[in-house]
Amino acid sequence: MWMRCSEKMDAYWTYVLSRLTFQLKISKFHSIKQSTEE
């Protein structure tokens, strides 16, 4: 039971972290794009 629960948490955190890094990459990309346009 505990293993199954921790596995679910690991999958959740992996998902959250991948989402965060994805958002960071996009925001970085947008800021670079804006600075080059100006």
N, C-alpha and C. Protein backbone atom coordinates (compact mmCIF):
# COMPACT_ATOMS: atom_id res chain seq x y z
N MET A 1 0.83 -1.20 0.00
CA MET A 1 0.00 0.00 0.00
C MET A 1 0.87 1.27 0.00
N TRP A 2 1.88 1.29 0.86
CA TRP A 2 2.74 2.47 0.92
C TRP A 2 3.50 2.68 -0.37
N MET A 3 3.97 1.57 -0.95
CA MET A 3 4.72 1.68 -2.20
C MET A 3 3.85 2.30 -3.29
N ARG A 4 2.62 1.84 -3.37
CA ARG A 4 1.71 2.34 -4.39
C ARG A 4 1.45 3.84 -4.20
N CYS A 5 1.33 4.24 -2.95
CA CYS A 5 1.08 5.65 -2.65
C CYS A 5 2.28 6.51 -3.03
N SER A 6 3.47 6.07 -2.66
CA SER A 6 4.67 6.84 -2.97
C SER A 6 4.92 6.88 -4.48
N GLU A 7 4.59 5.80 -5.16
CA GLU A 7 4.74 5.78 -6.62
C GLU A 7 3.84 6.83 -7.26
N LYS A 8 2.64 6.94 -6.71
CA LYS A 8 1.70 7.93 -7.22
C LYS A 8 2.23 9.34 -6.97
N MET A 9 2.81 9.56 -5.79
CA MET A 9 3.39 10.86 -5.47
C MET A 9 4.57 11.18 -6.38
N ASP A 10 5.42 10.19 -6.62
CA ASP A 10 6.56 10.40 -7.51
C ASP A 10 6.10 10.82 -8.90
N ALA A 11 5.09 10.14 -9.40
CA ALA A 11 4.56 10.47 -10.72
C ALA A 11 3.98 11.88 -10.73
N TYR A 12 3.30 12.23 -9.64
CA TYR A 12 2.71 13.57 -9.52
C TYR A 12 3.78 14.64 -9.52
N TRP A 13 4.84 14.44 -8.72
CA TRP A 13 5.91 15.44 -8.64
C TRP A 13 6.68 15.53 -9.94
N THR A 14 6.88 14.39 -10.60
CA THR A 14 7.55 14.41 -11.90
C THR A 14 6.74 15.26 -12.88
N TYR A 15 5.43 15.09 -12.84
CA TYR A 15 4.53 15.87 -13.71
C TYR A 15 4.61 17.36 -13.37
N VAL A 16 4.54 17.68 -12.09
CA VAL A 16 4.58 19.07 -11.65
C VAL A 16 5.89 19.73 -12.06
N LEU A 17 7.00 19.04 -11.82
CA LEU A 17 8.31 19.60 -12.16
C LEU A 17 8.45 19.81 -13.66
N SER A 18 7.98 18.86 -14.45
CA SER A 18 8.08 19.01 -15.90
C SER A 18 7.22 20.18 -16.37
N ARG A 19 6.06 20.37 -15.75
CA ARG A 19 5.21 21.50 -16.09
C ARG A 19 5.91 22.82 -15.74
N LEU A 20 6.54 22.87 -14.57
CA LEU A 20 7.22 24.09 -14.14
C LEU A 20 8.37 24.45 -15.07
N THR A 21 9.19 23.46 -15.42
CA THR A 21 10.32 23.73 -16.31
C THR A 21 9.82 24.17 -17.68
N PHE A 22 8.72 23.58 -18.13
CA PHE A 22 8.12 23.96 -19.41
C PHE A 22 7.67 25.41 -19.37
N GLN A 23 7.00 25.81 -18.28
CA GLN A 23 6.53 27.19 -18.13
C GLN A 23 7.72 28.16 -18.10
N LEU A 24 8.79 27.78 -17.38
CA LEU A 24 9.97 28.62 -17.30
C LEU A 24 10.60 28.82 -18.67
N LYS A 25 10.71 27.74 -19.44
CA LYS A 25 11.28 27.82 -20.78
C LYS A 25 10.47 28.77 -21.65
N ILE A 26 9.16 28.67 -21.56
CA ILE A 26 8.28 29.52 -22.37
C ILE A 26 8.42 30.99 -21.96
N SER A 27 8.42 31.27 -20.67
CA SER A 27 8.54 32.65 -20.21
C SER A 27 9.90 33.23 -20.59
N LYS A 28 10.96 32.42 -20.49
CA LYS A 28 12.29 32.86 -20.90
C LYS A 28 12.30 33.17 -22.39
N PHE A 29 11.71 32.28 -23.17
CA PHE A 29 11.65 32.45 -24.61
C PHE A 29 10.92 33.74 -24.97
N HIS A 30 9.80 34.02 -24.28
CA HIS A 30 9.02 35.22 -24.55
C HIS A 30 9.81 36.48 -24.19
N SER A 31 10.50 36.47 -23.07
CA SER A 31 11.26 37.65 -22.66
C SER A 31 12.41 37.92 -23.63
N ILE A 32 13.05 36.85 -24.12
CA ILE A 32 14.12 37.01 -25.11
C ILE A 32 13.54 37.57 -26.41
N LYS A 33 12.39 37.05 -26.80
CA LYS A 33 11.72 37.50 -28.02
C LYS A 33 11.37 38.98 -27.91
N GLN A 34 10.85 39.40 -26.77
CA GLN A 34 10.46 40.80 -26.57
C GLN A 34 11.68 41.72 -26.59
N SER A 35 12.75 41.32 -25.95
CA SER A 35 13.95 42.17 -25.88
C SER A 35 14.58 42.33 -27.26
N THR A 36 14.49 41.31 -28.11
CA THR A 36 15.05 41.41 -29.45
C THR A 36 14.16 42.26 -30.35
N GLU A 37 12.86 42.25 -30.10
CA GLU A 37 11.93 43.04 -30.91
C GLU A 37 12.07 44.53 -30.63
N GLU A 38 12.40 44.89 -29.39
CA GLU A 38 12.49 46.31 -29.02
C GLU A 38 13.66 47.00 -29.69
